[in-house]
Amino acid sequence: MLQLTSLKETAGGRELIAIGRQKGLQEGLQKGELIGEIRACQRVLKMVVTPRQTMRKMSLRELRALLSKLDDKL
């Protein structure tokens, strides 16, 4: 039976893991910033504030579109 080396045990694997973590961190920070801006706009516009949990499930594209619509209303 063929055994594969764990990604954590190879230089290339460790590099891929690091890249994935960095991309995940960047996306998380972007989402957090957008969510904060959306919630602030909703408050200013006296709208119901969308729960963070709901927005965390949204893609960056969806969050940007929502923020754009809210910005148009300001």
Protein backbone atom coordinates (compact mmCIF):
# COMPACT_ATOMS: atom_id res chain seq x y z
CA MET A 1 0.00 0.00 0.00
CA LEU A 2 1.27 3.46 -0.93
CA GLN A 3 1.71 5.91 1.94
CA LEU A 4 1.68 9.64 1.29
CA THR A 5 3.79 12.09 3.24
CA SER A 6 1.80 14.56 5.33
CA LEU A 7 1.74 18.12 3.99
CA LYS A 8 3.06 19.30 7.34
CA GLU A 9 6.19 17.22 6.81
CA THR A 10 7.24 18.77 3.50
CA ALA A 11 8.59 22.26 2.81
CA GLY A 12 6.10 22.76 -0.02
CA GLY A 13 3.24 21.59 2.16
CA ARG A 14 4.17 23.95 4.97
CA GLU A 15 4.38 26.80 2.47
CA LEU A 16 0.92 25.99 1.09
CA ILE A 17 -0.51 25.86 4.60
CA ALA A 18 1.04 29.26 5.41
CA ILE A 19 -0.36 30.77 2.20
CA GLY A 20 -3.82 29.39 3.01
CA ARG A 21 -3.71 30.81 6.51
CA GLN A 22 -2.63 34.22 5.23
CA LYS A 23 -5.40 34.31 2.63
CA GLY A 24 -7.94 33.24 5.24
CA LEU A 25 -6.77 35.93 7.62
CA GLN A 26 -6.95 38.62 4.92
CA GLU A 27 -10.46 37.58 3.91
CA GLY A 28 -11.56 37.50 7.54
CA LEU A 29 -10.25 41.01 8.13
CA GLN A 30 -11.95 42.29 4.98
CA LYS A 31 -15.24 40.69 5.99
CA GLY A 32 -14.98 42.14 9.49
CA GLU A 33 -14.39 45.62 8.16
CA LEU A 34 -17.30 45.39 5.72
CA ILE A 35 -19.62 44.02 8.39
CA GLY A 36 -18.73 46.91 10.69
CA GLU A 37 -19.38 49.46 7.96
CA ILE A 38 -22.68 47.82 7.01
CA ARG A 39 -23.90 47.80 10.61
CA ALA A 40 -22.90 51.45 11.05
CA CYS A 41 -24.79 52.44 7.88
CA GLN A 42 -27.85 50.49 9.02
CA ARG A 43 -27.81 52.32 12.35
CA VAL A 44 -27.44 55.74 10.72
CA LEU A 45 -30.30 54.91 8.35
CA LYS A 46 -32.37 53.68 11.33
CA MET A 47 -32.72 50.26 9.73
CA VAL A 48 -32.85 46.89 11.43
CA VAL A 49 -29.22 45.91 11.99
CA THR A 50 -28.39 42.58 10.37
CA PRO A 51 -26.91 40.12 12.89
CA ARG A 52 -23.16 39.51 12.55
CA GLN A 53 -23.76 35.75 12.30
CA THR A 54 -25.91 36.27 9.22
CA MET A 55 -23.36 38.47 7.53
CA ARG A 56 -20.44 36.15 8.35
CA LYS A 57 -22.09 33.58 6.08
CA MET A 58 -22.13 36.04 3.17
CA SER A 59 -19.37 36.24 0.56
CA LEU A 60 -17.17 39.29 0.15
CA ARG A 61 -19.03 40.06 -3.08
CA GLU A 62 -22.40 39.98 -1.30
CA LEU A 63 -21.13 42.17 1.55
CA ARG A 64 -19.68 44.72 -0.89
CA ALA A 65 -22.98 44.83 -2.81
CA LEU A 66 -24.95 45.37 0.39
CA LEU A 67 -22.61 48.15 1.52
CA SER A 68 -22.90 49.81 -1.90
CA LYS A 69 -26.70 49.82 -1.66
CA LEU A 70 -26.55 51.30 1.81
CA ASP A 71 -24.04 53.95 0.72
CA ASP A 72 -26.43 54.97 -2.06
CA LYS A 73 -29.10 55.63 0.58
CA LEU A 74 -26.86 57.90 2.67
